[in-house]
C-alpha cells in the first residue's frame, strides 16, 4: 500500500479524480479522520470533509508509478 495526500476542493476536481482512477484496476481508499470510503465512489467522496487534504491509499504495486504520476494534479 502507498499513501499520498490529495486535495479535492471542488465538484469538478472530484469528477476528474474519479475519472482518472477508474481507468486503473487498483483498489483505492480515501481516509478522512476515522472515515474510509472507496475512492472510486463519487457519493462516498462527497460524504467526506473536502475542505482539508485527504489521505489516498493505493493498493497494488504493479503500476504504482503510473498511478502516482496520473494523480500529481491532486497532490498537496
PDB file of N, CA and C in Angstrom:
ATOM      1  N   UNK A   1       0.852  -1.185   0.000  1.00  0.00           N
ATOM      2  CA  UNK A   1       0.000   0.000   0.000  1.00  0.00           C
ATOM      3  C   UNK A   1       0.891   1.240   0.000  1.00  0.00           C
ATOM      4  N   UNK A   2       0.465   2.225  -0.755  1.00  0.00           N
ATOM      5  CA  UNK A   2       1.159   3.509  -0.847  1.00  0.00           C
ATOM      6  C   UNK A   2       0.139   4.600  -0.517  1.00  0.00           C
ATOM      7  N   UNK A   3       0.514   5.590   0.288  1.00  0.00           N
ATOM      8  CA  UNK A   3      -0.404   6.647   0.695  1.00  0.00           C
ATOM      9  C   UNK A   3       0.118   8.003   0.242  1.00  0.00           C
ATOM     10  N   UNK A   4      -0.787   8.812  -0.338  1.00  0.00           N
ATOM     11  CA  UNK A   4      -0.463  10.191  -0.684  1.00  0.00           C
ATOM     12  C   UNK A   4      -1.575  11.088  -0.158  1.00  0.00           C
ATOM     13  N   UNK A   5      -1.249  12.345   0.060  1.00  0.00           N
ATOM     14  CA  UNK A   5      -2.238  13.334   0.487  1.00  0.00           C
ATOM     15  C   UNK A   5      -2.728  14.075  -0.757  1.00  0.00           C
ATOM     16  N   UNK A   6      -4.053  14.186  -0.876  1.00  0.00           N
ATOM     17  CA  UNK A   6      -4.630  14.877  -2.022  1.00  0.00           C
ATOM     18  C   UNK A   6      -5.633  15.924  -1.554  1.00  0.00           C
ATOM     19  N   UNK A   7      -5.989  16.812  -2.454  1.00  0.00           N
ATOM     20  CA  UNK A   7      -6.976  17.860  -2.176  1.00  0.00           C
ATOM     21  C   UNK A   7      -8.048  17.794  -3.260  1.00  0.00           C
ATOM     22  N   UNK A   8      -9.298  17.621  -2.849  1.00  0.00           N
ATOM     23  CA  UNK A   8     -10.443  17.586  -3.757  1.00  0.00           C
ATOM     24  C   UNK A   8     -11.405  18.681  -3.310  1.00  0.00           C
ATOM     25  N   UNK A   9     -11.133  19.915  -3.717  1.00  0.00           N
ATOM     26  CA  UNK A   9     -11.868  21.056  -3.172  1.00  0.00           C
ATOM     27  C   UNK A   9     -12.941  21.620  -4.095  1.00  0.00           C
ATOM     28  N   UNK A  10     -13.315  20.887  -5.140  1.00  0.00           N
ATOM     29  CA  UNK A  10     -14.418  21.335  -5.996  1.00  0.00           C
ATOM     30  C   UNK A  10     -15.077  20.115  -6.642  1.00  0.00           C
ATOM     31  N   UNK A  11     -16.280  20.309  -7.100  1.00  0.00           N
ATOM     32  CA  UNK A  11     -17.018  19.230  -7.763  1.00  0.00           C
ATOM     33  C   UNK A  11     -16.273  18.769  -9.010  1.00  0.00           C
ATOM     34  N   UNK A  12     -15.751  19.710  -9.779  1.00  0.00           N
ATOM     35  CA  UNK A  12     -15.019  19.356 -10.998  1.00  0.00           C
ATOM     36  C   UNK A  12     -13.774  18.532 -10.697  1.00  0.00           C
ATOM     37  N   UNK A  13     -13.076  18.871  -9.619  1.00  0.00           N
ATOM     38  CA  UNK A  13     -11.877  18.104  -9.240  1.00  0.00           C
ATOM     39  C   UNK A  13     -12.256  16.690  -8.798  1.00  0.00           C
ATOM     40  N   UNK A  14     -13.366  16.539  -8.090  1.00  0.00           N
ATOM     41  CA  UNK A  14     -13.822  15.208  -7.675  1.00  0.00           C
ATOM     42  C   UNK A  14     -14.157  14.380  -8.914  1.00  0.00           C
ATOM     43  N   UNK A  15     -14.878  14.949  -9.856  1.00  0.00           N
ATOM     44  CA  UNK A  15     -15.251  14.225 -11.078  1.00  0.00           C
ATOM     45  C   UNK A  15     -14.018  13.819 -11.875  1.00  0.00           C
ATOM     46  N   UNK A  16     -13.054  14.708 -12.004  1.00  0.00           N
ATOM     47  CA  UNK A  16     -11.825  14.413 -12.737  1.00  0.00           C
ATOM     48  C   UNK A  16     -11.012  13.339 -12.018  1.00  0.00           C
ATOM     49  N   UNK A  17     -10.945  13.421 -10.697  1.00  0.00           N
ATOM     50  CA  UNK A  17     -10.234  12.428  -9.893  1.00  0.00           C
ATOM     51  C   UNK A  17     -10.828  11.037 -10.107  1.00  0.00           C
ATOM     52  N   UNK A  18     -12.144  10.919 -10.006  1.00  0.00           N
ATOM     53  CA  UNK A  18     -12.802   9.619 -10.174  1.00  0.00           C
ATOM     54  C   UNK A  18     -12.616   9.111 -11.597  1.00  0.00           C
ATOM     55  N   UNK A  19     -12.689  10.000 -12.577  1.00  0.00           N
ATOM     56  CA  UNK A  19     -12.489   9.598 -13.976  1.00  0.00           C
ATOM     57  C   UNK A  19     -11.089   8.995 -14.163  1.00  0.00           C
ATOM     58  N   UNK A  20     -10.089   9.610 -13.546  1.00  0.00           N
ATOM     59  CA  UNK A  20      -8.715   9.132 -13.693  1.00  0.00           C
ATOM     60  C   UNK A  20      -8.516   7.785 -12.999  1.00  0.00           C
ATOM     61  N   UNK A  21      -8.956   7.653 -11.758  1.00  0.00           N
ATOM     62  CA  UNK A  21      -8.649   6.412 -11.026  1.00  0.00           C
ATOM     63  C   UNK A  21      -9.482   5.220 -11.496  1.00  0.00           C
ATOM     64  N   UNK A  22     -10.640   5.466 -12.082  1.00  0.00           N
ATOM     65  CA  UNK A  22     -11.415   4.328 -12.585  1.00  0.00           C
ATOM     66  C   UNK A  22     -10.748   3.678 -13.794  1.00  0.00           C
ATOM     67  N   UNK A  23      -9.788   4.357 -14.400  1.00  0.00           N
ATOM     68  CA  UNK A  23      -9.042   3.778 -15.522  1.00  0.00           C
ATOM     69  C   UNK A  23      -8.048   2.717 -15.040  1.00  0.00           C
ATOM     70  N   UNK A  24      -7.774   2.680 -13.742  1.00  0.00           N
ATOM     71  CA  UNK A  24      -6.822   1.723 -13.179  1.00  0.00           C
ATOM     72  C   UNK A  24      -7.563   0.601 -12.468  1.00  0.00           C
ATOM     73  N   UNK A  25      -6.986  -0.605 -12.516  1.00  0.00           N
ATOM     74  CA  UNK A  25      -7.594  -1.761 -11.850  1.00  0.00           C
ATOM     75  C   UNK A  25      -7.296  -1.814 -10.356  1.00  0.00           C
ATOM     76  N   UNK A  26      -6.409  -0.949  -9.898  1.00  0.00           N
ATOM     77  CA  UNK A  26      -6.037  -0.928  -8.478  1.00  0.00           C
ATOM     78  C   UNK A  26      -7.252  -0.634  -7.605  1.00  0.00           C
ATOM     79  N   UNK A  27      -7.128  -0.987  -6.338  1.00  0.00           N
ATOM     80  CA  UNK A  27      -8.114  -0.571  -5.343  1.00  0.00           C
ATOM     81  C   UNK A  27      -7.595   0.699  -4.686  1.00  0.00           C
ATOM     82  N   UNK A  28      -8.517   1.613  -4.380  1.00  0.00           N
ATOM     83  CA  UNK A  28      -8.171   2.894  -3.782  1.00  0.00           C
ATOM     84  C   UNK A  28      -9.133   3.183  -2.636  1.00  0.00           C
ATOM     85  N   UNK A  29      -8.616   3.675  -1.528  1.00  0.00           N
ATOM     86  CA  UNK A  29      -9.441   4.136  -0.411  1.00  0.00           C
ATOM     87  C   UNK A  29      -9.076   5.576  -0.101  1.00  0.00           C
ATOM     88  N   UNK A  30     -10.074   6.357   0.295  1.00  0.00           N
ATOM     89  CA  UNK A  30      -9.849   7.710   0.796  1.00  0.00           C
ATOM     90  C   UNK A  30     -10.137   7.701   2.281  1.00  0.00           C
ATOM     91  N   UNK A  31      -9.225   8.308   3.066  1.00  0.00           N
ATOM     92  CA  UNK A  31      -9.404   8.370   4.514  1.00  0.00           C
ATOM     93  C   UNK A  31      -9.390   9.814   4.968  1.00  0.00           C
ATOM     94  N   UNK A  32     -10.401  10.144   5.758  1.00  0.00           N
ATOM     95  CA  UNK A  32     -10.500  11.470   6.368  1.00  0.00           C
ATOM     96  C   UNK A  32     -10.921  11.251   7.811  1.00  0.00           C
ATOM     97  N   UNK A  33      -9.975  11.468   8.722  1.00  0.00           N
ATOM     98  CA  UNK A  33     -10.275  11.191  10.128  1.00  0.00           C
ATOM     99  C   UNK A  33     -10.506   9.711  10.317  1.00  0.00           C
ATOM    100  N   UNK A  34     -11.625   9.347  10.899  1.00  0.00           N
ATOM    101  CA  UNK A  34     -11.919   7.927  11.128  1.00  0.00           C
ATOM    102  C   UNK A  34     -12.781   7.313  10.031  1.00  0.00           C
ATOM    103  N   UNK A  35     -13.071   8.068   8.986  1.00  0.00           N
ATOM    104  CA  UNK A  35     -13.902   7.585   7.887  1.00  0.00           C
ATOM    105  C   UNK A  35     -13.050   7.129   6.714  1.00  0.00           C
ATOM    106  N   UNK A  36     -13.424   5.995   6.134  1.00  0.00           N
ATOM    107  CA  UNK A  36     -12.763   5.453   4.954  1.00  0.00           C
ATOM    108  C   UNK A  36     -13.828   5.120   3.920  1.00  0.00           C
ATOM    109  N   UNK A  37     -13.601   5.570   2.680  1.00  0.00           N
ATOM    110  CA  UNK A  37     -14.551   5.286   1.592  1.00  0.00           C
ATOM    111  C   UNK A  37     -13.785   4.788   0.375  1.00  0.00           C
ATOM    112  N   UNK A  38     -14.500   4.097  -0.496  1.00  0.00           N
ATOM    113  CA  UNK A  38     -13.950   3.668  -1.775  1.00  0.00           C
ATOM    114  C   UNK A  38     -13.723   4.912  -2.624  1.00  0.00           C
ATOM    115  N   UNK A  39     -12.491   5.115  -3.071  1.00  0.00           N
ATOM    116  CA  UNK A  39     -12.154   6.336  -3.810  1.00  0.00           C
ATOM    117  C   UNK A  39     -12.785   6.383  -5.193  1.00  0.00           C
ATOM    118  N   UNK A  40     -13.323   5.273  -5.674  1.00  0.00           N
ATOM    119  CA  UNK A  40     -13.983   5.267  -6.979  1.00  0.00           C
ATOM    120  C   UNK A  40     -15.467   5.612  -6.867  1.00  0.00           C
ATOM    121  N   UNK A  41     -15.932   5.890  -5.660  1.00  0.00           N
ATOM    122  CA  UNK A  41     -17.337   6.199  -5.405  1.00  0.00           C
ATOM    123  C   UNK A  41     -17.530   7.705  -5.219  1.00  0.00           C
ATOM    124  N   UNK A  42     -18.191   8.338  -6.163  1.00  0.00           N
ATOM    125  CA  UNK A  42     -18.435   9.777  -6.056  1.00  0.00           C
ATOM    126  C   UNK A  42     -19.269  10.083  -4.815  1.00  0.00           C
ATOM    127  N   UNK A  43     -20.289   9.295  -4.554  1.00  0.00           N
ATOM    128  CA  UNK A  43     -21.117   9.528  -3.364  1.00  0.00           C
ATOM    129  C   UNK A  43     -20.300   9.361  -2.086  1.00  0.00           C
ATOM    130  N   UNK A  44     -19.429   8.374  -2.067  1.00  0.00           N
ATOM    131  CA  UNK A  44     -18.571   8.178  -0.900  1.00  0.00           C
ATOM    132  C   UNK A  44     -17.654   9.366  -0.674  1.00  0.00           C
ATOM    133  N   UNK A  45     -17.099   9.895  -1.746  1.00  0.00           N
ATOM    134  CA  UNK A  45     -16.194  11.045  -1.634  1.00  0.00           C
ATOM    135  C   UNK A  45     -16.928  12.250  -1.064  1.00  0.00           C
ATOM    136  N   UNK A  46     -18.144  12.483  -1.526  1.00  0.00           N
ATOM    137  CA  UNK A  46     -18.887  13.645  -1.045  1.00  0.00           C
ATOM    138  C   UNK A  46     -19.361  13.493   0.402  1.00  0.00           C
ATOM    139  N   UNK A  47     -19.209  12.300   0.974  1.00  0.00           N
ATOM    140  CA  UNK A  47     -19.549  12.131   2.390  1.00  0.00           C
ATOM    141  C   UNK A  47     -18.385  12.556   3.299  1.00  0.00           C
ATOM    142  N   UNK A  48     -17.230  12.852   2.705  1.00  0.00           N
ATOM    143  CA  UNK A  48     -16.050  13.257   3.478  1.00  0.00           C
ATOM    144  C   UNK A  48     -15.969  14.776   3.582  1.00  0.00           C
ATOM    145  N   UNK A  49     -15.155  15.229   4.522  1.00  0.00           N
ATOM    146  CA  UNK A  49     -14.872  16.661   4.673  1.00  0.00           C
ATOM    147  C   UNK A  49     -13.844  17.042   3.612  1.00  0.00           C
ATOM    148  N   UNK A  50     -14.289  17.703   2.549  1.00  0.00           N
ATOM    149  CA  UNK A  50     -13.414  18.040   1.428  1.00  0.00           C
ATOM    150  C   UNK A  50     -12.721  19.387   1.594  1.00  0.00           C
ATOM    151  N   UNK A  51     -12.902  20.030   2.725  1.00  0.00           N
ATOM    152  CA  UNK A  51     -12.279  21.333   2.946  1.00  0.00           C
ATOM    153  C   UNK A  51     -10.807  21.210   3.355  1.00  0.00           C
ATOM    154  N   UNK A  52     -10.363  19.995   3.621  1.00  0.00           N
ATOM    155  CA  UNK A  52      -8.974  19.783   4.017  1.00  0.00           C
ATOM    156  C   UNK A  52      -8.407  18.586   3.241  1.00  0.00           C
ATOM    157  N   UNK A  53      -7.091  18.428   3.227  1.00  0.00           N
ATOM    158  CA  UNK A  53      -6.484  17.306   2.490  1.00  0.00           C
ATOM    159  C   UNK A  53      -6.963  15.950   3.015  1.00  0.00           C
ATOM    160  N   UNK A  54      -6.980  14.980   2.111  1.00  0.00           N
ATOM    161  CA  UNK A  54      -7.470  13.627   2.383  1.00  0.00           C
ATOM    162  C   UNK A  54      -6.349  12.641   2.049  1.00  0.00           C
ATOM    163  N   UNK A  55      -6.271  11.555   2.795  1.00  0.00           N
ATOM    164  CA  UNK A  55      -5.287  10.513   2.519  1.00  0.00           C
ATOM    165  C   UNK A  55      -5.844   9.546   1.477  1.00  0.00           C
ATOM    166  N   UNK A  56      -5.062   9.287   0.444  1.00  0.00           N
ATOM    167  CA  UNK A  56      -5.426   8.316  -0.585  1.00  0.00           C
ATOM    168  C   UNK A  56      -4.518   7.109  -0.436  1.00  0.00           C
ATOM    169  N   UNK A  57      -5.119   5.940  -0.182  1.00  0.00           N
ATOM    170  CA  UNK A  57      -4.373   4.686  -0.098  1.00  0.00           C
ATOM    171  C   UNK A  57      -4.488   3.980  -1.448  1.00  0.00           C
ATOM    172  N   UNK A  58      -3.338   3.646  -2.012  1.00  0.00           N
ATOM    173  CA  UNK A  58      -3.283   2.963  -3.307  1.00  0.00           C
ATOM    174  C   UNK A  58      -2.783   1.553  -3.047  1.00  0.00           C
ATOM    175  N   UNK A  59      -3.567   0.554  -3.452  1.00  0.00           N
ATOM    176  CA  UNK A  59      -3.205  -0.848  -3.251  1.00  0.00           C
ATOM    177  C   UNK A  59      -2.686  -1.438  -4.558  1.00  0.00           C
ATOM    178  N   UNK A  60      -1.661  -2.246  -4.458  1.00  0.00           N
ATOM    179  CA  UNK A  60      -1.049  -2.854  -5.637  1.00  0.00           C
ATOM    180  C   UNK A  60       0.170  -2.055  -6.057  1.00  0.00           C
ATOM    181  N   UNK A  61       1.211  -2.758  -6.467  1.00  0.00           N
ATOM    182  CA  UNK A  61       2.470  -2.086  -6.805  1.00  0.00           C
ATOM    183  C   UNK A  61       2.839  -2.230  -8.272  1.00  0.00           C
ATOM    184  N   UNK A  62       2.046  -2.964  -9.034  1.00  0.00           N
ATOM    185  CA  UNK A  62       2.400  -3.232 -10.425  1.00  0.00           C
ATOM    186  C   UNK A  62       2.569  -1.960 -11.244  1.00  0.00           C
ATOM    187  N   UNK A  63       1.662  -1.028 -11.097  1.00  0.00           N
ATOM    188  CA  UNK A  63       1.692   0.204 -11.889  1.00  0.00           C
ATOM    189  C   UNK A  63       1.682   1.443 -10.991  1.00  0.00           C
ATOM    190  N   UNK A  64       2.299   1.342  -9.847  1.00  0.00           N
ATOM    191  CA  UNK A  64       2.259   2.408  -8.854  1.00  0.00           C
ATOM    192  C   UNK A  64       2.796   3.729  -9.396  1.00  0.00           C
ATOM    193  N   UNK A  65       3.906   3.690 -10.112  1.00  0.00           N
ATOM    194  CA  UNK A  65       4.475   4.925 -10.660  1.00  0.00           C
ATOM    195  C   UNK A  65       3.515   5.605 -11.625  1.00  0.00           C
ATOM    196  N   UNK A  66       2.837   4.821 -12.440  1.00  0.00           N
ATOM    197  CA  UNK A  66       1.870   5.364 -13.399  1.00  0.00           C
ATOM    198  C   UNK A  66       0.682   6.002 -12.678  1.00  0.00           C
ATOM    199  N   UNK A  67       0.188   5.348 -11.632  1.00  0.00           N
ATOM    200  CA  UNK A  67      -0.944   5.878 -10.863  1.00  0.00           C
ATOM    201  C   UNK A  67      -0.549   7.193 -10.187  1.00  0.00           C
ATOM    202  N   UNK A  68       0.584   7.216  -9.524  1.00  0.00           N
ATOM    203  CA  UNK A  68       1.050   8.418  -8.820  1.00  0.00           C
ATOM    204  C   UNK A  68       1.244   9.567  -9.804  1.00  0.00           C
ATOM    205  N   UNK A  69       1.800   9.275 -10.965  1.00  0.00           N
ATOM    206  CA  UNK A  69       2.010  10.321 -11.982  1.00  0.00           C
ATOM    207  C   UNK A  69       0.671  10.880 -12.460  1.00  0.00           C
ATOM    208  N   UNK A  70      -0.319  10.020 -12.643  1.00  0.00           N
ATOM    209  CA  UNK A  70      -1.637  10.474 -13.101  1.00  0.00           C
ATOM    210  C   UNK A  70      -2.342  11.343 -12.063  1.00  0.00           C
ATOM    211  N   UNK A  71      -1.991  11.173 -10.790  1.00  0.00           N
ATOM    212  CA  UNK A  71      -2.665  11.899  -9.710  1.00  0.00           C
ATOM    213  C   UNK A  71      -1.874  13.096  -9.201  1.00  0.00           C
ATOM    214  N   UNK A  72      -0.778  13.463  -9.849  1.00  0.00           N
ATOM    215  CA  UNK A  72       0.053  14.600  -9.429  1.00  0.00           C
ATOM    216  C   UNK A  72      -0.758  15.887  -9.282  1.00  0.00           C
ATOM    217  N   UNK A  73      -1.730  16.075 -10.143  1.00  0.00           N
ATOM    218  CA  UNK A  73      -2.567  17.279 -10.124  1.00  0.00           C
ATOM    219  C   UNK A  73      -3.287  17.461  -8.787  1.00  0.00           C
ATOM    220  N   UNK A  74      -3.573  16.376  -8.093  1.00  0.00           N
ATOM    221  CA  UNK A  74      -4.365  16.432  -6.866  1.00  0.00           C
ATOM    222  C   UNK A  74      -3.521  16.412  -5.599  1.00  0.00           C
ATOM    223  N   UNK A  75      -2.227  16.141  -5.713  1.00  0.00           N
ATOM    224  CA  UNK A  75      -1.375  16.057  -4.526  1.00  0.00           C
ATOM    225  C   UNK A  75      -1.225  17.391  -3.837  1.00  0.00           C
ATOM    226  N   UNK A  76      -1.104  17.305  -2.521  1.00  0.00           N
ATOM    227  CA  UNK A  76      -0.915  18.504  -1.694  1.00  0.00           C
ATOM    228  C   UNK A  76       0.575  18.714  -1.492  1.00  0.00           C
TER     229      UNK A  76
END
